[in-house]
Amino acid sequence: GIKMNGERFQVKIVSSASRAQDGRELACLMLSPVPDRQSQEQKLK
């Protein structure tokens, strides 16, 4: 992921297909940040 300030971060994206009432095909994206290794190591410590 790329934030407005240029910072980059890892993200998991789950996409599912749907259809709008007017017939348009849509893709619904659900995003969740992936904890970085440093935060996980800190959690363990």
All heavy atoms as atom14 arrays in JSON, in Angstrom:
{
  "sequence": "GIKMNGERFQVKIVSSASRAQDGRELACLMLSPVPDRQSQEQKLK",
  "atom14_mask": [
    [1, 1, 1, 1, 0, 0, 0, 0, 0, 0, 0, 0, 0, 0],
    [1, 1, 1, 1, 1, 1, 1, 1, 0, 0, 0, 0, 0, 0],
    [1, 1, 1, 1, 1, 1, 1, 1, 1, 0, 0, 0, 0, 0],
    [1, 1, 1, 1, 1, 1, 1, 1, 0, 0, 0, 0, 0, 0],
    [1, 1, 1, 1, 1, 1, 1, 1, 0, 0, 0, 0, 0, 0],
    [1, 1, 1, 1, 0, 0, 0, 0, 0, 0, 0, 0, 0, 0],
    [1, 1, 1, 1, 1, 1, 1, 1, 1, 0, 0, 0, 0, 0],
    [1, 1, 1, 1, 1, 1, 1, 1, 1, 1, 1, 0, 0, 0],
    [1, 1, 1, 1, 1, 1, 1, 1, 1, 1, 1, 0, 0, 0],
    [1, 1, 1, 1, 1, 1, 1, 1, 1, 0, 0, 0, 0, 0],
    [1, 1, 1, 1, 1, 1, 1, 0, 0, 0, 0, 0, 0, 0],
    [1, 1, 1, 1, 1, 1, 1, 1, 1, 0, 0, 0, 0, 0],
    [1, 1, 1, 1, 1, 1, 1, 1, 0, 0, 0, 0, 0, 0],
    [1, 1, 1, 1, 1, 1, 1, 0, 0, 0, 0, 0, 0, 0],
    [1, 1, 1, 1, 1, 1, 0, 0, 0, 0, 0, 0, 0, 0],
    [1, 1, 1, 1, 1, 1, 0, 0, 0, 0, 0, 0, 0, 0],
    [1, 1, 1, 1, 1, 0, 0, 0, 0, 0, 0, 0, 0, 0],
    [1, 1, 1, 1, 1, 1, 0, 0, 0, 0, 0, 0, 0, 0],
    [1, 1, 1, 1, 1, 1, 1, 1, 1, 1, 1, 0, 0, 0],
    [1, 1, 1, 1, 1, 0, 0, 0, 0, 0, 0, 0, 0, 0],
    [1, 1, 1, 1, 1, 1, 1, 1, 1, 0, 0, 0, 0, 0],
    [1, 1, 1, 1, 1, 1, 1, 1, 0, 0, 0, 0, 0, 0],
    [1, 1, 1, 1, 0, 0, 0, 0, 0, 0, 0, 0, 0, 0],
    [1, 1, 1, 1, 1, 1, 1, 1, 1, 1, 1, 0, 0, 0],
    [1, 1, 1, 1, 1, 1, 1, 1, 1, 0, 0, 0, 0, 0],
    [1, 1, 1, 1, 1, 1, 1, 1, 0, 0, 0, 0, 0, 0],
    [1, 1, 1, 1, 1, 0, 0, 0, 0, 0, 0, 0, 0, 0],
    [1, 1, 1, 1, 1, 1, 0, 0, 0, 0, 0, 0, 0, 0],
    [1, 1, 1, 1, 1, 1, 1, 1, 0, 0, 0, 0, 0, 0],
    [1, 1, 1, 1, 1, 1, 1, 1, 0, 0, 0, 0, 0, 0],
    [1, 1, 1, 1, 1, 1, 1, 1, 0, 0, 0, 0, 0, 0],
    [1, 1, 1, 1, 1, 1, 0, 0, 0, 0, 0, 0, 0, 0],
    [1, 1, 1, 1, 1, 1, 1, 0, 0, 0, 0, 0, 0, 0],
    [1, 1, 1, 1, 1, 1, 1, 0, 0, 0, 0, 0, 0, 0],
    [1, 1, 1, 1, 1, 1, 1, 0, 0, 0, 0, 0, 0, 0],
    [1, 1, 1, 1, 1, 1, 1, 1, 0, 0, 0, 0, 0, 0],
    [1, 1, 1, 1, 1, 1, 1, 1, 1, 1, 1, 0, 0, 0],
    [1, 1, 1, 1, 1, 1, 1, 1, 1, 0, 0, 0, 0, 0],
    [1, 1, 1, 1, 1, 1, 0, 0, 0, 0, 0, 0, 0, 0],
    [1, 1, 1, 1, 1, 1, 1, 1, 1, 0, 0, 0, 0, 0],
    [1, 1, 1, 1, 1, 1, 1, 1, 1, 0, 0, 0, 0, 0],
    [1, 1, 1, 1, 1, 1, 1, 1, 1, 0, 0, 0, 0, 0],
    [1, 1, 1, 1, 1, 1, 1, 1, 1, 0, 0, 0, 0, 0],
    [1, 1, 1, 1, 1, 1, 1, 1, 0, 0, 0, 0, 0, 0],
    [1, 1, 1, 1, 1, 1, 1, 1, 1, 0, 0, 0, 0, 0]
  ],
  "atom14_positions": [
    [[0.83, -1.2, 0.0], [0.0, 0.0, 0.0], [0.87, 1.25, 0.0], [1.99, 1.25, 0.52], [0.0, 0.0, 0.0], [0.0, 0.0, 0.0], [0.0, 0.0, 0.0], [0.0, 0.0, 0.0], [0.0, 0.0, 0.0], [0.0, 0.0, 0.0], [0.0, 0.0, 0.0], [0.0, 0.0, 0.0], [0.0, 0.0, 0.0], [0.0, 0.0, 0.0]],
    [[0.37, 2.31, -0.62], [1.12, 3.57, -0.7], [0.26, 4.68, -0.12], [-0.81, 5.01, -0.64], [1.47, 3.91, -2.16], [2.17, 2.74, -2.84], [2.35, 5.16, -2.21], [2.4, 2.93, -4.33], [0.0, 0.0, 0.0], [0.0, 0.0, 0.0], [0.0, 0.0, 0.0], [0.0, 0.0, 0.0], [0.0, 0.0, 0.0], [0.0, 0.0, 0.0]],
    [[0.71, 5.25, 1.0], [-0.04, 6.34, 1.63], [0.2, 7.66, 0.89], [1.1, 7.76, 0.06], [0.39, 6.48, 3.1], [0.05, 5.27, 3.94], [0.35, 5.52, 5.42], [-0.04, 4.3, 6.24], [0.16, 4.53, 7.7], [0.0, 0.0, 0.0], [0.0, 0.0, 0.0], [0.0, 0.0, 0.0], [0.0, 0.0, 0.0], [0.0, 0.0, 0.0]],
    [[-0.61, 8.63, 1.21], [-0.5, 9.92, 0.54], [0.88, 10.54, 0.75], [1.41, 11.21, -0.15], [-1.58, 10.88, 1.06], [-1.64, 12.21, 0.3], [-2.97, 13.3, 0.85], [-2.39, 13.72, 2.5], [0.0, 0.0, 0.0], [0.0, 0.0, 0.0], [0.0, 0.0, 0.0], [0.0, 0.0, 0.0], [0.0, 0.0, 0.0], [0.0, 0.0, 0.0]],
    [[1.49, 10.3, 1.91], [2.82, 10.85, 2.19], [3.96, 10.02, 1.6], [5.13, 10.3, 1.84], [3.02, 11.01, 3.7], [2.98, 9.68, 4.45], [2.91, 8.62, 3.83], [3.02, 9.74, 5.77], [0.0, 0.0, 0.0], [0.0, 0.0, 0.0], [0.0, 0.0, 0.0], [0.0, 0.0, 0.0], [0.0, 0.0, 0.0], [0.0, 0.0, 0.0]],
    [[3.61, 8.97, 0.83], [4.62, 8.14, 0.19], [5.06, 6.93, 1.0], [5.8, 6.08, 0.5], [0.0, 0.0, 0.0], [0.0, 0.0, 0.0], [0.0, 0.0, 0.0], [0.0, 0.0, 0.0], [0.0, 0.0, 0.0], [0.0, 0.0, 0.0], [0.0, 0.0, 0.0], [0.0, 0.0, 0.0], [0.0, 0.0, 0.0], [0.0, 0.0, 0.0]],
    [[4.62, 6.86, 2.25], [4.99, 5.71, 3.09], [4.38, 4.44, 2.53], [3.22, 4.4, 2.12], [4.5, 5.93, 4.52], [4.81, 4.78, 5.45], [4.21, 4.99, 6.84], [3.82, 6.15, 7.14], [4.11, 4.01, 7.59], [0.0, 0.0, 0.0], [0.0, 0.0, 0.0], [0.0, 0.0, 0.0], [0.0, 0.0, 0.0], [0.0, 0.0, 0.0]],
    [[5.17, 3.37, 2.51], [4.7, 2.07, 2.0], [4.51, 1.09, 3.15], [5.25, 1.12, 4.12], [5.69, 1.51, 0.97], [5.59, 2.18, -0.4], [6.74, 1.82, -1.31], [6.45, 2.09, -2.7], [6.4, 3.3, -3.24], [6.63, 4.37, -2.47], [6.11, 3.47, -4.52], [0.0, 0.0, 0.0], [0.0, 0.0, 0.0], [0.0, 0.0, 0.0]],
    [[3.52, 0.22, 2.99], [3.23, -0.77, 4.02], [2.62, -1.99, 3.35], [2.03, -1.9, 2.28], [2.28, -0.2, 5.08], [0.93, 0.21, 4.52], [-0.17, -0.62, 4.64], [0.77, 1.43, 3.87], [-1.41, -0.26, 4.13], [-0.47, 1.81, 3.36], [-1.57, 0.97, 3.49], [0.0, 0.0, 0.0], [0.0, 0.0, 0.0], [0.0, 0.0, 0.0]],
    [[2.79, -3.16, 4.0], [2.25, -4.4, 3.46], [0.76, -4.51, 3.8], [0.35, -4.18, 4.9], [3.0, -5.6, 4.02], [4.47, -5.64, 3.61], [4.63, -5.63, 2.1], [4.08, -6.5, 1.41], [5.38, -4.68, 1.59], [0.0, 0.0, 0.0], [0.0, 0.0, 0.0], [0.0, 0.0, 0.0], [0.0, 0.0, 0.0], [0.0, 0.0, 0.0]],
    [[-0.01, -4.98, 2.83], [-1.45, -5.06, 3.03], [-1.98, -6.34, 2.4], [-1.48, -6.79, 1.37], [-2.15, -3.82, 2.42], [-1.96, -3.77, 0.91], [-3.64, -3.81, 2.74], [0.0, 0.0, 0.0], [0.0, 0.0, 0.0], [0.0, 0.0, 0.0], [0.0, 0.0, 0.0], [0.0, 0.0, 0.0], [0.0, 0.0, 0.0], [0.0, 0.0, 0.0]],
    [[-2.96, -6.96, 3.05], [-3.66, -8.12, 2.49], [-4.99, -7.64, 1.92], [-5.71, -6.88, 2.56], [-3.92, -9.18, 3.57], [-4.64, -10.41, 3.03], [-4.85, -11.45, 4.12], [-5.91, -11.03, 5.1], [-6.21, -12.1, 6.1], [0.0, 0.0, 0.0], [0.0, 0.0, 0.0], [0.0, 0.0, 0.0], [0.0, 0.0, 0.0], [0.0, 0.0, 0.0]],
    [[-5.3, -8.06, 0.69], [-6.51, -7.61, 0.02], [-7.36, -8.81, -0.36], [-6.89, -9.75, -0.98], [-6.18, -6.8, -1.26], [-5.15, -5.71, -0.95], [-7.43, -6.19, -1.86], [-4.61, -5.01, -2.16], [0.0, 0.0, 0.0], [0.0, 0.0, 0.0], [0.0, 0.0, 0.0], [0.0, 0.0, 0.0], [0.0, 0.0, 0.0], [0.0, 0.0, 0.0]],
    [[-8.64, -8.75, 0.02], [-9.6, -9.77, -0.37], [-10.64, -9.1, -1.26], [-11.25, -8.11, -0.87], [-10.29, -10.41, 0.84], [-11.32, -11.44, 0.4], [-9.26, -11.06, 1.76], [0.0, 0.0, 0.0], [0.0, 0.0, 0.0], [0.0, 0.0, 0.0], [0.0, 0.0, 0.0], [0.0, 0.0, 0.0], [0.0, 0.0, 0.0], [0.0, 0.0, 0.0]],
    [[-10.8, -9.62, -2.47], [-11.71, -9.03, -3.45], [-12.83, -10.01, -3.77], [-12.6, -11.21, -3.94], [-10.95, -8.67, -4.73], [-11.84, -8.24, -5.74], [0.0, 0.0, 0.0], [0.0, 0.0, 0.0], [0.0, 0.0, 0.0], [0.0, 0.0, 0.0], [0.0, 0.0, 0.0], [0.0, 0.0, 0.0], [0.0, 0.0, 0.0], [0.0, 0.0, 0.0]],
    [[-14.06, -9.5, -3.85], [-15.2, -10.33, -4.25], [-16.03, -9.58, -5.28], [-16.09, -8.35, -5.28], [-16.07, -10.69, -3.03], [-16.53, -9.51, -2.39], [0.0, 0.0, 0.0], [0.0, 0.0, 0.0], [0.0, 0.0, 0.0], [0.0, 0.0, 0.0], [0.0, 0.0, 0.0], [0.0, 0.0, 0.0], [0.0, 0.0, 0.0], [0.0, 0.0, 0.0]],
    [[-16.63, -10.33, -6.2], [-17.41, -9.74, -7.29], [-18.85, -9.53, -6.86], [-19.41, -10.31, -6.1], [-17.35, -10.64, -8.52], [0.0, 0.0, 0.0], [0.0, 0.0, 0.0], [0.0, 0.0, 0.0], [0.0, 0.0, 0.0], [0.0, 0.0, 0.0], [0.0, 0.0, 0.0], [0.0, 0.0, 0.0], [0.0, 0.0, 0.0], [0.0, 0.0, 0.0]],
    [[-19.44, -8.45, -7.34], [-20.87, -8.18, -7.09], [-21.41, -7.41, -8.3], [-20.67, -7.01, -9.2], [-21.06, -7.38, -5.8], [-20.42, -6.11, -5.9], [0.0, 0.0, 0.0], [0.0, 0.0, 0.0], [0.0, 0.0, 0.0], [0.0, 0.0, 0.0], [0.0, 0.0, 0.0], [0.0, 0.0, 0.0], [0.0, 0.0, 0.0], [0.0, 0.0, 0.0]],
    [[-22.72, -7.21, -8.3], [-23.34, -6.5, -9.42], [-24.27, -5.41, -8.87], [-25.08, -5.66, -7.96], [-24.15, -7.48, -10.27], [-24.66, -6.88, -11.59], [-25.42, -7.93, -12.4], [-24.57, -9.05, -12.76], [-23.78, -9.05, -13.85], [-23.72, -7.99, -14.64], [-23.05, -10.11, -14.11], [0.0, 0.0, 0.0], [0.0, 0.0, 0.0], [0.0, 0.0, 0.0]],
    [[-24.12, -4.2, -9.41], [-24.97, -3.08, -8.99], [-26.37, -3.23, -9.56], [-26.62, -4.05, -10.46], [-24.34, -1.76, -9.45], [0.0, 0.0, 0.0], [0.0, 0.0, 0.0], [0.0, 0.0, 0.0], [0.0, 0.0, 0.0], [0.0, 0.0, 0.0], [0.0, 0.0, 0.0], [0.0, 0.0, 0.0], [0.0, 0.0, 0.0], [0.0, 0.0, 0.0]],
    [[-27.31, -2.44, -9.03], [-28.7, -2.52, -9.49], [-28.83, -2.16, -10.96], [-29.75, -2.64, -11.65], [-29.58, -1.6, -8.65], [-29.72, -2.06, -7.2], [-30.64, -1.15, -6.41], [-31.01, -0.07, -6.86], [-31.01, -1.59, -5.21], [0.0, 0.0, 0.0], [0.0, 0.0, 0.0], [0.0, 0.0, 0.0], [0.0, 0.0, 0.0], [0.0, 0.0, 0.0]],
    [[-27.93, -1.32, -11.46], [-28.0, -0.94, -12.88], [-27.29, -1.95, -13.78], [-27.14, -1.73, -14.98], [-27.42, 0.46, -13.09], [-25.96, 0.55, -12.66], [-25.37, -0.49, -12.31], [-25.4, 1.67, -12.66], [0.0, 0.0, 0.0], [0.0, 0.0, 0.0], [0.0, 0.0, 0.0], [0.0, 0.0, 0.0], [0.0, 0.0, 0.0], [0.0, 0.0, 0.0]],
    [[-26.82, -3.07, -13.2], [-26.19, -4.11, -14.01], [-24.69, -4.03, -14.09], [-24.04, -4.93, -14.63], [0.0, 0.0, 0.0], [0.0, 0.0, 0.0], [0.0, 0.0, 0.0], [0.0, 0.0, 0.0], [0.0, 0.0, 0.0], [0.0, 0.0, 0.0], [0.0, 0.0, 0.0], [0.0, 0.0, 0.0], [0.0, 0.0, 0.0], [0.0, 0.0, 0.0]],
    [[-24.11, -2.97, -13.54], [-22.66, -2.84, -13.6], [-21.99, -3.87, -12.7], [-22.46, -4.15, -11.61], [-22.22, -1.44, -13.16], [-22.55, -0.33, -14.14], [-22.08, 1.01, -13.59], [-22.74, 1.29, -12.31], [-22.14, 1.91, -11.29], [-20.87, 2.27, -11.39], [-22.8, 2.15, -10.16], [0.0, 0.0, 0.0], [0.0, 0.0, 0.0], [0.0, 0.0, 0.0]],
    [[-20.86, -4.44, -13.19], [-20.1, -5.38, -12.37], [-19.13, -4.61, -11.48], [-18.42, -3.72, -11.95], [-19.32, -6.35, -13.27], [-20.22, -7.3, -14.04], [-19.42, -8.34, -14.81], [-18.19, -8.21, -14.82], [-20.03, -9.25, -15.38], [0.0, 0.0, 0.0], [0.0, 0.0, 0.0], [0.0, 0.0, 0.0], [0.0, 0.0, 0.0], [0.0, 0.0, 0.0]],
    [[-19.13, -4.95, -10.21], [-18.31, -4.26, -9.24], [-17.36, -5.23, -8.55], [-17.64, -6.42, -8.46], [-19.19, -3.58, -8.18], [-20.26, -2.6, -8.68], [-21.1, -2.13, -7.51], [-19.6, -1.41, -9.38], [0.0, 0.0, 0.0], [0.0, 0.0, 0.0], [0.0, 0.0, 0.0], [0.0, 0.0, 0.0], [0.0, 0.0, 0.0], [0.0, 0.0, 0.0]],
    [[-16.25, -4.71, -8.07], [-15.32, -5.49, -7.27], [-15.22, -4.83, -5.9], [-14.91, -3.65, -5.79], [-13.94, -5.55, -7.92], [0.0, 0.0, 0.0], [0.0, 0.0, 0.0], [0.0, 0.0, 0.0], [0.0, 0.0, 0.0], [0.0, 0.0, 0.0], [0.0, 0.0, 0.0], [0.0, 0.0, 0.0], [0.0, 0.0, 0.0], [0.0, 0.0, 0.0]],
    [[-15.53, -5.58, -4.87], [-15.47, -5.08, -3.5], [-14.13, -5.51, -2.88], [-13.85, -6.71, -2.79], [-16.65, -5.61, -2.7], [-16.62, -5.12, -0.96], [0.0, 0.0, 0.0], [0.0, 0.0, 0.0], [0.0, 0.0, 0.0], [0.0, 0.0, 0.0], [0.0, 0.0, 0.0], [0.0, 0.0, 0.0], [0.0, 0.0, 0.0], [0.0, 0.0, 0.0]],
    [[-13.31, -4.54, -2.49], [-11.98, -4.83, -1.93], [-11.98, -4.57, -0.42], [-12.37, -3.49, 0.03], [-10.91, -3.95, -2.58], [-10.81, -3.98, -4.11], [-9.65, -3.12, -4.58], [-10.66, -5.4, -4.62], [0.0, 0.0, 0.0], [0.0, 0.0, 0.0], [0.0, 0.0, 0.0], [0.0, 0.0, 0.0], [0.0, 0.0, 0.0], [0.0, 0.0, 0.0]],
    [[-11.54, -5.56, 0.33], [-11.38, -5.41, 1.79], [-9.9, -5.49, 2.09], [-9.24, -6.47, 1.77], [-12.16, -6.5, 2.52], [-13.67, -6.36, 2.37], [-14.58, -7.72, 3.14], [-14.23, -9.03, 1.97], [0.0, 0.0, 0.0], [0.0, 0.0, 0.0], [0.0, 0.0, 0.0], [0.0, 0.0, 0.0], [0.0, 0.0, 0.0], [0.0, 0.0, 0.0]],
    [[-9.37, -4.43, 2.68], [-7.94, -4.33, 2.93], [-7.63, -4.4, 4.42], [-8.37, -3.82, 5.23], [-7.37, -3.03, 2.36], [-7.5, -2.81, 0.84], [-8.83, -2.2, 0.48], [-6.37, -1.91, 0.35], [0.0, 0.0, 0.0], [0.0, 0.0, 0.0], [0.0, 0.0, 0.0], [0.0, 0.0, 0.0], [0.0, 0.0, 0.0], [0.0, 0.0, 0.0]],
    [[-6.56, -5.09, 4.76], [-6.12, -5.12, 6.16], [-4.6, -5.07, 6.18], [-3.94, -5.86, 5.49], [-6.63, -6.38, 6.87], [-6.24, -7.54, 6.18], [0.0, 0.0, 0.0], [0.0, 0.0, 0.0], [0.0, 0.0, 0.0], [0.0, 0.0, 0.0], [0.0, 0.0, 0.0], [0.0, 0.0, 0.0], [0.0, 0.0, 0.0], [0.0, 0.0, 0.0]],
    [[-4.02, -4.15, 6.95], [-2.56, -4.05, 7.03], [-1.96, -5.33, 7.62], [-2.54, -5.95, 8.5], [-2.33, -2.85, 7.95], [-3.62, -2.1, 7.95], [-4.69, -3.13, 7.76], [0.0, 0.0, 0.0], [0.0, 0.0, 0.0], [0.0, 0.0, 0.0], [0.0, 0.0, 0.0], [0.0, 0.0, 0.0], [0.0, 0.0, 0.0], [0.0, 0.0, 0.0]],
    [[-0.79, -5.71, 7.11], [-0.08, -6.87, 7.64], [0.95, -6.36, 8.64], [1.8, -5.53, 8.29], [0.63, -7.64, 6.51], [1.43, -8.8, 7.09], [-0.39, -8.14, 5.5], [0.0, 0.0, 0.0], [0.0, 0.0, 0.0], [0.0, 0.0, 0.0], [0.0, 0.0, 0.0], [0.0, 0.0, 0.0], [0.0, 0.0, 0.0], [0.0, 0.0, 0.0]],
    [[0.9, -6.82, 9.91], [1.88, -6.35, 10.9], [3.31, -6.61, 10.42], [3.6, -7.68, 9.9], [1.56, -7.19, 12.15], [0.14, -7.62, 11.96], [-0.02, -7.81, 10.47], [0.0, 0.0, 0.0], [0.0, 0.0, 0.0], [0.0, 0.0, 0.0], [0.0, 0.0, 0.0], [0.0, 0.0, 0.0], [0.0, 0.0, 0.0], [0.0, 0.0, 0.0]],
    [[4.19, -5.63, 10.57], [5.56, -5.82, 10.12], [6.34, -6.7, 11.1], [5.92, -6.93, 12.24], [6.29, -4.49, 9.89], [6.39, -3.62, 11.14], [6.43, -4.19, 12.24], [6.43, -2.4, 11.0], [0.0, 0.0, 0.0], [0.0, 0.0, 0.0], [0.0, 0.0, 0.0], [0.0, 0.0, 0.0], [0.0, 0.0, 0.0], [0.0, 0.0, 0.0]],
    [[7.45, -7.21, 10.64], [8.23, -8.16, 11.44], [8.7, -7.54, 12.75], [8.71, -8.18, 13.8], [9.43, -8.64, 10.63], [10.24, -9.7, 11.38], [11.43, -10.18, 10.56], [12.13, -11.21, 11.27], [11.81, -12.49, 11.23], [10.79, -12.87, 10.49], [12.49, -13.39, 11.92], [0.0, 0.0, 0.0], [0.0, 0.0, 0.0], [0.0, 0.0, 0.0]],
    [[9.05, -6.25, 12.69], [9.57, -5.6, 13.89], [8.51, -5.56, 14.98], [8.81, -5.82, 16.15], [10.05, -4.18, 13.56], [10.68, -3.46, 14.76], [11.21, -2.1, 14.39], [11.07, -1.65, 13.27], [11.81, -1.43, 15.36], [0.0, 0.0, 0.0], [0.0, 0.0, 0.0], [0.0, 0.0, 0.0], [0.0, 0.0, 0.0], [0.0, 0.0, 0.0]],
    [[7.26, -5.26, 14.62], [6.21, -5.2, 15.63], [5.92, -6.57, 16.2], [5.63, -6.71, 17.39], [4.93, -4.6, 15.02], [4.37, -5.47, 14.05], [0.0, 0.0, 0.0], [0.0, 0.0, 0.0], [0.0, 0.0, 0.0], [0.0, 0.0, 0.0], [0.0, 0.0, 0.0], [0.0, 0.0, 0.0], [0.0, 0.0, 0.0], [0.0, 0.0, 0.0]],
    [[6.01, -7.61, 15.37], [5.78, -8.95, 15.88], [6.9, -9.39, 16.8], [6.66, -10.03, 17.82], [5.63, -9.93, 14.7], [4.39, -9.67, 13.88], [4.0, -10.9, 13.08], [3.92, -11.99, 13.61], [3.75, -10.71, 11.81], [0.0, 0.0, 0.0], [0.0, 0.0, 0.0], [0.0, 0.0, 0.0], [0.0, 0.0, 0.0], [0.0, 0.0, 0.0]],
    [[8.15, -9.04, 16.46], [9.25, -9.39, 17.34], [9.12, -8.63, 18.66], [9.42, -9.17, 19.73], [10.58, -9.07, 16.66], [10.92, -10.01, 15.52], [12.41, -10.06, 15.25], [13.19, -9.53, 16.08], [12.8, -10.63, 14.22], [0.0, 0.0, 0.0], [0.0, 0.0, 0.0], [0.0, 0.0, 0.0], [0.0, 0.0, 0.0], [0.0, 0.0, 0.0]],
    [[8.67, -7.37, 18.6], [8.5, -6.6, 19.83], [7.41, -7.23, 20.68], [7.52, -7.29, 21.92], [8.14, -5.15, 19.5], [8.08, -4.25, 20.73], [9.42, -4.2, 21.45], [10.46, -3.97, 20.85], [9.39, -4.42, 22.77], [0.0, 0.0, 0.0], [0.0, 0.0, 0.0], [0.0, 0.0, 0.0], [0.0, 0.0, 0.0], [0.0, 0.0, 0.0]],
    [[6.36, -7.7, 20.03], [5.29, -8.39, 20.75], [5.83, -9.6, 21.48], [5.49, -9.86, 22.64], [4.19, -8.8, 19.75], [3.05, -9.58, 20.37], [2.04, -9.95, 19.3], [0.9, -10.79, 19.87], [-0.08, -11.17, 18.81], [0.0, 0.0, 0.0], [0.0, 0.0, 0.0], [0.0, 0.0, 0.0], [0.0, 0.0, 0.0], [0.0, 0.0, 0.0]],
    [[6.7, -10.35, 20.8], [7.27, -11.54, 21.41], [8.2, -11.17, 22.56], [8.17, -11.79, 23.64], [8.03, -12.34, 20.36], [8.73, -13.6, 20.85], [7.73, -14.58, 21.44], [9.5, -14.25, 19.72], [0.0, 0.0, 0.0], [0.0, 0.0, 0.0], [0.0, 0.0, 0.0], [0.0, 0.0, 0.0], [0.0, 0.0, 0.0], [0.0, 0.0, 0.0]],
    [[9.05, -10.16, 22.38], [9.97, -9.75, 23.42], [9.21, -9.26, 24.66], [9.6, -9.55, 25.79], [10.9, -8.65, 22.88], [11.89, -9.16, 21.85], [12.58, -8.03, 21.12], [13.51, -7.24, 22.01], [14.23, -6.19, 21.24], [0.0, 0.0, 0.0], [0.0, 0.0, 0.0], [0.0, 0.0, 0.0], [0.0, 0.0, 0.0], [0.0, 0.0, 0.0]]
  ]
}
